Amino acid sequence: MDVPVTVRFAVQLRAEIWTRVFGKDTFLSHQFLGRGRSERLLSERFGPLTFGVALVADGPHLRLFLRRWSAFGIPLPMWLCPRSVAHETDENGRFHFHIEISHPLTGLIVRYRGWLEIEA
């Protein structure tokens, strides 16, 4: 299903607030530099869940790998963690992305891909 997506970024207190709007649904996250055991990882918080993500350059792609996660600041075992296939790339000056998140117990949660264009 094709759904228009709008992405907005705002910087606030050493974090980026990402607001993604899929059709009528809004999805918000905070991205920030990992600290402590998540040092050198990108941390992304969705409500009470925080994910530590390793960013790995792979040819023209930037791949994102989940390395740790927590709920309310309490570390959770990786075998319970959602699975992610995610990468970003620049194609002809346009930012392209592919995000797929699933869970071993529930299956596919979300999959979206496309590109972003800067509004004038």
N, C-alpha and C. Protein backbone atom coordinates (compact mmCIF):
# COMPACT_ATOMS: atom_id res chain seq x y z
N MET A 1 0.84 -1.16 0.00
CA MET A 1 0.00 0.00 0.00
C MET A 1 0.90 1.24 0.00
N ASP A 2 0.69 2.16 -0.89
CA ASP A 2 1.42 3.41 -0.94
C ASP A 2 0.72 4.44 -0.06
N VAL A 3 1.48 4.99 0.87
CA VAL A 3 0.96 6.00 1.79
C VAL A 3 1.93 7.17 1.79
N PRO A 4 1.45 8.39 1.66
CA PRO A 4 2.37 9.52 1.72
C PRO A 4 2.97 9.63 3.12
N VAL A 5 4.25 9.97 3.17
CA VAL A 5 4.97 10.09 4.43
C VAL A 5 5.61 11.47 4.50
N THR A 6 5.48 12.08 5.65
CA THR A 6 6.17 13.33 5.91
C THR A 6 7.08 13.10 7.11
N VAL A 7 8.32 13.59 7.02
CA VAL A 7 9.27 13.45 8.12
C VAL A 7 9.74 14.85 8.50
N ARG A 8 9.70 15.13 9.79
CA ARG A 8 10.19 16.41 10.30
C ARG A 8 11.24 16.12 11.37
N PHE A 9 12.27 16.96 11.40
CA PHE A 9 13.34 16.84 12.39
C PHE A 9 13.40 18.12 13.20
N ALA A 10 13.60 17.98 14.49
CA ALA A 10 13.82 19.14 15.35
C ALA A 10 14.92 18.78 16.33
N VAL A 11 15.79 19.72 16.62
CA VAL A 11 16.87 19.50 17.58
C VAL A 11 16.45 20.10 18.91
N GLN A 12 16.61 19.29 19.96
CA GLN A 12 16.21 19.74 21.29
C GLN A 12 17.06 19.04 22.34
N LEU A 13 17.82 19.80 23.10
CA LEU A 13 18.62 19.25 24.21
C LEU A 13 19.44 18.02 23.81
N ARG A 14 20.32 18.17 22.86
CA ARG A 14 21.24 17.11 22.41
C ARG A 14 20.54 15.91 21.80
N ALA A 15 19.35 16.09 21.30
CA ALA A 15 18.61 15.00 20.66
C ALA A 15 17.92 15.54 19.42
N GLU A 16 17.67 14.65 18.50
CA GLU A 16 16.83 14.96 17.35
C GLU A 16 15.47 14.33 17.60
N ILE A 17 14.44 15.11 17.42
CA ILE A 17 13.08 14.58 17.52
C ILE A 17 12.61 14.34 16.10
N TRP A 18 12.32 13.10 15.79
CA TRP A 18 11.84 12.71 14.46
C TRP A 18 10.33 12.51 14.55
N THR A 19 9.61 13.24 13.74
CA THR A 19 8.17 13.07 13.65
C THR A 19 7.87 12.54 12.26
N ARG A 20 7.36 11.32 12.20
CA ARG A 20 7.02 10.69 10.93
C ARG A 20 5.50 10.62 10.85
N VAL A 21 4.94 11.08 9.76
CA VAL A 21 3.49 11.04 9.58
C VAL A 21 3.21 10.12 8.39
N PHE A 22 2.56 8.99 8.65
CA PHE A 22 2.17 8.02 7.63
C PHE A 22 0.67 8.20 7.40
N GLY A 23 0.30 8.87 6.32
CA GLY A 23 -1.11 9.14 6.10
C GLY A 23 -1.66 9.97 7.24
N LYS A 24 -2.51 9.37 8.08
CA LYS A 24 -3.11 10.08 9.22
C LYS A 24 -2.44 9.74 10.55
N ASP A 25 -1.50 8.79 10.54
CA ASP A 25 -0.88 8.32 11.78
C ASP A 25 0.48 8.98 12.00
N THR A 26 0.71 9.46 13.23
CA THR A 26 1.96 10.11 13.59
C THR A 26 2.77 9.19 14.49
N PHE A 27 4.07 9.14 14.23
CA PHE A 27 5.01 8.27 14.91
C PHE A 27 6.19 9.14 15.33
N LEU A 28 6.49 9.21 16.62
CA LEU A 28 7.52 10.11 17.14
C LEU A 28 8.62 9.33 17.82
N SER A 29 9.87 9.76 17.59
CA SER A 29 11.00 9.15 18.30
C SER A 29 12.04 10.23 18.60
N HIS A 30 12.89 9.91 19.57
CA HIS A 30 14.02 10.79 19.93
C HIS A 30 15.30 10.02 19.62
N GLN A 31 16.20 10.64 18.87
CA GLN A 31 17.50 10.04 18.57
C GLN A 31 18.59 10.86 19.25
N PHE A 32 19.56 10.15 19.86
CA PHE A 32 20.63 10.82 20.58
C PHE A 32 21.83 9.89 20.67
N LEU A 33 22.98 10.47 21.01
CA LEU A 33 24.19 9.67 21.16
C LEU A 33 24.06 8.75 22.37
N GLY A 34 24.42 7.49 22.18
CA GLY A 34 24.36 6.55 23.28
C GLY A 34 25.37 6.89 24.36
N ARG A 35 25.02 6.55 25.59
CA ARG A 35 25.90 6.79 26.73
C ARG A 35 26.06 5.48 27.49
N GLY A 36 27.10 5.43 28.30
CA GLY A 36 27.32 4.24 29.13
C GLY A 36 27.53 3.01 28.27
N ARG A 37 26.77 1.97 28.53
CA ARG A 37 26.94 0.73 27.76
C ARG A 37 26.51 0.87 26.31
N SER A 38 25.84 1.95 25.97
CA SER A 38 25.45 2.20 24.57
C SER A 38 26.34 3.24 23.89
N GLU A 39 27.47 3.54 24.53
CA GLU A 39 28.41 4.49 23.92
C GLU A 39 28.81 3.99 22.53
N ARG A 40 28.95 4.90 21.60
CA ARG A 40 29.27 4.63 20.19
C ARG A 40 28.10 4.09 19.38
N LEU A 41 26.94 4.03 20.01
CA LEU A 41 25.73 3.62 19.30
C LEU A 41 24.81 4.83 19.17
N LEU A 42 23.95 4.78 18.18
CA LEU A 42 22.86 5.74 18.08
C LEU A 42 21.73 5.19 18.94
N SER A 43 21.22 5.98 19.84
CA SER A 43 20.08 5.55 20.65
C SER A 43 18.82 6.18 20.07
N GLU A 44 17.77 5.37 20.00
CA GLU A 44 16.48 5.89 19.54
C GLU A 44 15.41 5.43 20.51
N ARG A 45 14.67 6.42 21.05
CA ARG A 45 13.64 6.12 22.05
C ARG A 45 12.25 6.31 21.45
N PHE A 46 11.43 5.29 21.63
CA PHE A 46 10.02 5.30 21.25
C PHE A 46 9.23 5.07 22.54
N GLY A 47 8.71 6.11 23.12
CA GLY A 47 8.00 5.95 24.39
C GLY A 47 8.94 5.37 25.43
N PRO A 48 8.56 4.26 26.10
CA PRO A 48 9.41 3.68 27.15
C PRO A 48 10.55 2.80 26.61
N LEU A 49 10.56 2.52 25.31
CA LEU A 49 11.58 1.64 24.73
C LEU A 49 12.72 2.45 24.11
N THR A 50 13.95 2.03 24.39
CA THR A 50 15.13 2.65 23.79
C THR A 50 15.95 1.56 23.13
N PHE A 51 16.38 1.84 21.90
CA PHE A 51 17.17 0.88 21.12
C PHE A 51 18.55 1.46 20.86
N GLY A 52 19.58 0.64 21.02
CA GLY A 52 20.95 1.01 20.68
C GLY A 52 21.25 0.45 19.29
N VAL A 53 21.59 1.34 18.36
CA VAL A 53 21.76 0.96 16.96
C VAL A 53 23.18 1.24 16.51
N ALA A 54 23.84 0.23 15.93
CA ALA A 54 25.15 0.42 15.32
C ALA A 54 24.95 0.84 13.87
N LEU A 55 25.68 1.88 13.46
CA LEU A 55 25.64 2.36 12.09
C LEU A 55 26.89 1.84 11.39
N VAL A 56 26.72 1.10 10.31
CA VAL A 56 27.83 0.45 9.63
C VAL A 56 27.81 0.82 8.15
N ALA A 57 28.91 1.42 7.68
CA ALA A 57 29.05 1.74 6.26
C ALA A 57 29.31 0.44 5.50
N ASP A 58 28.53 0.20 4.44
CA ASP A 58 28.65 -1.01 3.63
C ASP A 58 28.49 -0.59 2.17
N GLY A 59 29.62 -0.24 1.52
CA GLY A 59 29.54 0.26 0.15
C GLY A 59 28.72 1.53 0.14
N PRO A 60 27.73 1.60 -0.73
CA PRO A 60 26.92 2.82 -0.81
C PRO A 60 25.85 2.92 0.28
N HIS A 61 25.70 1.86 1.07
CA HIS A 61 24.64 1.84 2.09
C HIS A 61 25.18 2.15 3.48
N LEU A 62 24.33 2.75 4.27
CA LEU A 62 24.55 2.85 5.71
C LEU A 62 23.55 1.89 6.33
N ARG A 63 24.05 0.82 6.95
CA ARG A 63 23.18 -0.20 7.53
C ARG A 63 23.03 0.05 9.02
N LEU A 64 21.86 -0.26 9.53
CA LEU A 64 21.54 -0.05 10.94
C LEU A 64 21.29 -1.41 11.59
N PHE A 65 22.05 -1.71 12.65
CA PHE A 65 21.94 -3.00 13.34
C PHE A 65 21.57 -2.77 14.80
N LEU A 66 20.52 -3.43 15.27
CA LEU A 66 20.12 -3.35 16.67
C LEU A 66 21.13 -4.11 17.52
N ARG A 67 21.68 -3.45 18.55
CA ARG A 67 22.69 -4.06 19.41
C ARG A 67 22.24 -4.21 20.86
N ARG A 68 21.26 -3.40 21.27
CA ARG A 68 20.73 -3.51 22.63
C ARG A 68 19.40 -2.80 22.69
N TRP A 69 18.65 -3.12 23.74
CA TRP A 69 17.37 -2.43 23.94
C TRP A 69 17.01 -2.47 25.40
N SER A 70 16.11 -1.55 25.78
CA SER A 70 15.69 -1.47 27.17
C SER A 70 14.26 -0.94 27.22
N ALA A 71 13.61 -1.19 28.33
CA ALA A 71 12.28 -0.65 28.61
C ALA A 71 12.36 0.08 29.94
N PHE A 72 11.95 1.34 29.96
CA PHE A 72 12.03 2.16 31.16
C PHE A 72 13.44 2.16 31.75
N GLY A 73 14.47 2.06 30.87
CA GLY A 73 15.87 2.07 31.30
C GLY A 73 16.40 0.73 31.78
N ILE A 74 15.57 -0.31 31.76
CA ILE A 74 15.99 -1.63 32.21
C ILE A 74 16.40 -2.45 30.98
N PRO A 75 17.68 -2.91 30.92
CA PRO A 75 18.12 -3.69 29.76
C PRO A 75 17.29 -4.97 29.58
N LEU A 76 17.00 -5.28 28.34
CA LEU A 76 16.23 -6.48 28.00
C LEU A 76 17.09 -7.42 27.16
N PRO A 77 16.81 -8.73 27.23
CA PRO A 77 17.61 -9.70 26.47
C PRO A 77 17.38 -9.55 24.96
N MET A 78 18.47 -9.69 24.21
CA MET A 78 18.40 -9.53 22.76
C MET A 78 17.54 -10.59 22.09
N TRP A 79 17.39 -11.76 22.68
CA TRP A 79 16.57 -12.78 22.02
C TRP A 79 15.10 -12.38 21.99
N LEU A 80 14.71 -11.41 22.84
CA LEU A 80 13.35 -10.89 22.82
C LEU A 80 13.19 -9.63 21.95
N CYS A 81 14.30 -9.13 21.46
CA CYS A 81 14.31 -7.86 20.72
C CYS A 81 13.65 -8.01 19.35
N PRO A 82 12.94 -6.98 18.91
CA PRO A 82 12.47 -7.00 17.53
C PRO A 82 13.65 -7.14 16.57
N ARG A 83 13.40 -7.66 15.40
CA ARG A 83 14.42 -7.80 14.36
C ARG A 83 14.27 -6.64 13.38
N SER A 84 15.39 -6.20 12.84
CA SER A 84 15.35 -5.06 11.94
C SER A 84 16.25 -5.31 10.74
N VAL A 85 15.74 -4.96 9.57
CA VAL A 85 16.54 -4.87 8.36
C VAL A 85 16.38 -3.42 7.93
N ALA A 86 17.48 -2.66 8.00
CA ALA A 86 17.36 -1.23 7.72
C ALA A 86 18.63 -0.73 7.06
N HIS A 87 18.44 0.07 6.02
CA HIS A 87 19.59 0.73 5.40
C HIS A 87 19.15 2.02 4.74
N GLU A 88 20.14 2.89 4.56
CA GLU A 88 19.93 4.19 3.93
C GLU A 88 21.01 4.37 2.88
N THR A 89 20.72 5.16 1.86
CA THR A 89 21.71 5.43 0.82
C THR A 89 21.36 6.73 0.11
N ASP A 90 22.34 7.27 -0.56
CA ASP A 90 22.15 8.45 -1.39
C ASP A 90 22.15 7.98 -2.85
N GLU A 91 21.06 8.20 -3.54
CA GLU A 91 20.96 7.83 -4.95
C GLU A 91 20.63 9.08 -5.75
N ASN A 92 21.60 9.50 -6.54
CA ASN A 92 21.43 10.70 -7.38
C ASN A 92 21.02 11.92 -6.57
N GLY A 93 21.63 12.09 -5.39
CA GLY A 93 21.34 13.25 -4.57
C GLY A 93 20.05 13.15 -3.76
N ARG A 94 19.41 12.01 -3.77
CA ARG A 94 18.15 11.82 -3.04
C ARG A 94 18.38 10.77 -1.94
N PHE A 95 17.92 11.07 -0.73
CA PHE A 95 18.05 10.17 0.41
C PHE A 95 17.01 9.05 0.29
N HIS A 96 17.49 7.79 0.17
CA HIS A 96 16.60 6.62 0.09
C HIS A 96 16.73 5.81 1.37
N PHE A 97 15.65 5.14 1.76
CA PHE A 97 15.68 4.34 2.98
C PHE A 97 14.83 3.08 2.80
N HIS A 98 15.17 2.06 3.57
CA HIS A 98 14.39 0.82 3.66
C HIS A 98 14.41 0.41 5.13
N ILE A 99 13.23 0.28 5.73
CA ILE A 99 13.10 -0.09 7.13
C ILE A 99 12.10 -1.24 7.22
N GLU A 100 12.51 -2.31 7.88
CA GLU A 100 11.61 -3.45 8.09
C GLU A 100 11.83 -3.94 9.52
N ILE A 101 10.75 -3.97 10.29
CA ILE A 101 10.84 -4.40 11.69
C ILE A 101 9.85 -5.53 11.92
N SER A 102 10.35 -6.59 12.53
CA SER A 102 9.51 -7.74 12.83
C SER A 102 9.86 -8.25 14.23
N HIS A 103 9.07 -9.19 14.70
CA HIS A 103 9.36 -9.82 15.99
C HIS A 103 9.18 -11.32 15.82
N PRO A 104 10.06 -12.11 16.43
CA PRO A 104 9.97 -13.56 16.27
C PRO A 104 8.63 -14.15 16.70
N LEU A 105 7.95 -13.51 17.64
CA LEU A 105 6.68 -14.05 18.13
C LEU A 105 5.46 -13.54 17.37
N THR A 106 5.56 -12.32 16.81
CA THR A 106 4.38 -11.73 16.17
C THR A 106 4.51 -11.53 14.67
N GLY A 107 5.73 -11.68 14.14
CA GLY A 107 5.94 -11.47 12.70
C GLY A 107 6.17 -10.01 12.36
N LEU A 108 5.84 -9.64 11.13
CA LEU A 108 6.09 -8.31 10.62
C LEU A 108 5.31 -7.25 11.41
N ILE A 109 6.01 -6.22 11.84
CA ILE A 109 5.39 -5.10 12.55
C ILE A 109 5.18 -3.94 11.58
N VAL A 110 6.24 -3.58 10.87
CA VAL A 110 6.15 -2.47 9.92
C VAL A 110 7.23 -2.63 8.85
N ARG A 111 6.90 -2.19 7.66
CA ARG A 111 7.89 -2.13 6.57
C ARG A 111 7.58 -0.88 5.78
N TYR A 112 8.60 -0.07 5.59
CA TYR A 112 8.43 1.11 4.74
C TYR A 112 9.74 1.42 4.04
N ARG A 113 9.61 1.97 2.86
CA ARG A 113 10.78 2.33 2.08
C ARG A 113 10.39 3.47 1.16
N GLY A 114 11.39 4.17 0.71
CA GLY A 114 11.12 5.28 -0.18
C GLY A 114 12.27 6.25 -0.18
N TRP A 115 11.96 7.52 -0.38
CA TRP A 115 12.96 8.54 -0.41
C TRP A 115 12.38 9.81 0.20
N LEU A 116 13.28 10.69 0.55
CA LEU A 116 12.87 11.98 1.11
C LEU A 116 13.32 13.10 0.18
N GLU A 117 12.49 14.09 0.06
CA GLU A 117 12.83 15.30 -0.66
C GLU A 117 12.69 16.47 0.28
N ILE A 118 13.61 17.42 0.21
CA ILE A 118 13.55 18.60 1.06
C ILE A 118 12.53 19.56 0.50
N GLU A 119 11.64 20.03 1.38
CA GLU A 119 10.66 21.02 0.95
C GLU A 119 11.33 22.37 0.80
N ALA A 120 10.88 23.13 -0.17
CA ALA A 120 11.46 24.47 -0.39
C ALA A 120 11.07 25.41 0.71
